[in-house]
């Protein structure tokens, strides 16, 4: 009598483990940081967990760190922070960024550098993205706002090395005054 019950419990446990594996496999992705474009937030060699379904029920927000396909070479991926949303007006000068008339005070960007002054309106279904290390390139200052179709997911936490484990800060207070 006990043997069929044990067998049923083993089968149920295996089924639950399989379903959990599928859910995690299709919703999360590991990403290894391979450059210093996101310093001081992320460093080369760290591994981050990317939520691939984060934007199914809500739109990307200012401050989100995302993984996206490089618009100039979709075989490569980039890790960038969203600065501007669809409809936002972004104004850059040599060292500052203004979004909809609000000057950003960005504690995550150690170097304040923009290669040229410009002002643009982010088109519908697009986002203005920048690296935290503004000396890096391959961002919206060079290739313009990126289509939402290029966004792979939201980077949510550093999981490796273990001694650096933490949730990635979106610095929502930096963007709280923008309307």
Foldseek 3Di string as FASTA:
>chain_A
DVVVVVVVVVVVVVVVVVVVVVVCVVFKDKDAAQCCLQPPQDHHGWIFIFGQCPPVVHHDDALFWFWFQQPVHSVDIDTWGFHFAAFWKWWDAQFWIDINNRTFDDPSQPGRGAPHTDIDGHHHQWTFTGHSPNVDDSGCSPVNTGHVVGTRGTGFWTPPPPVRTDTRDSPVVRVVVHD
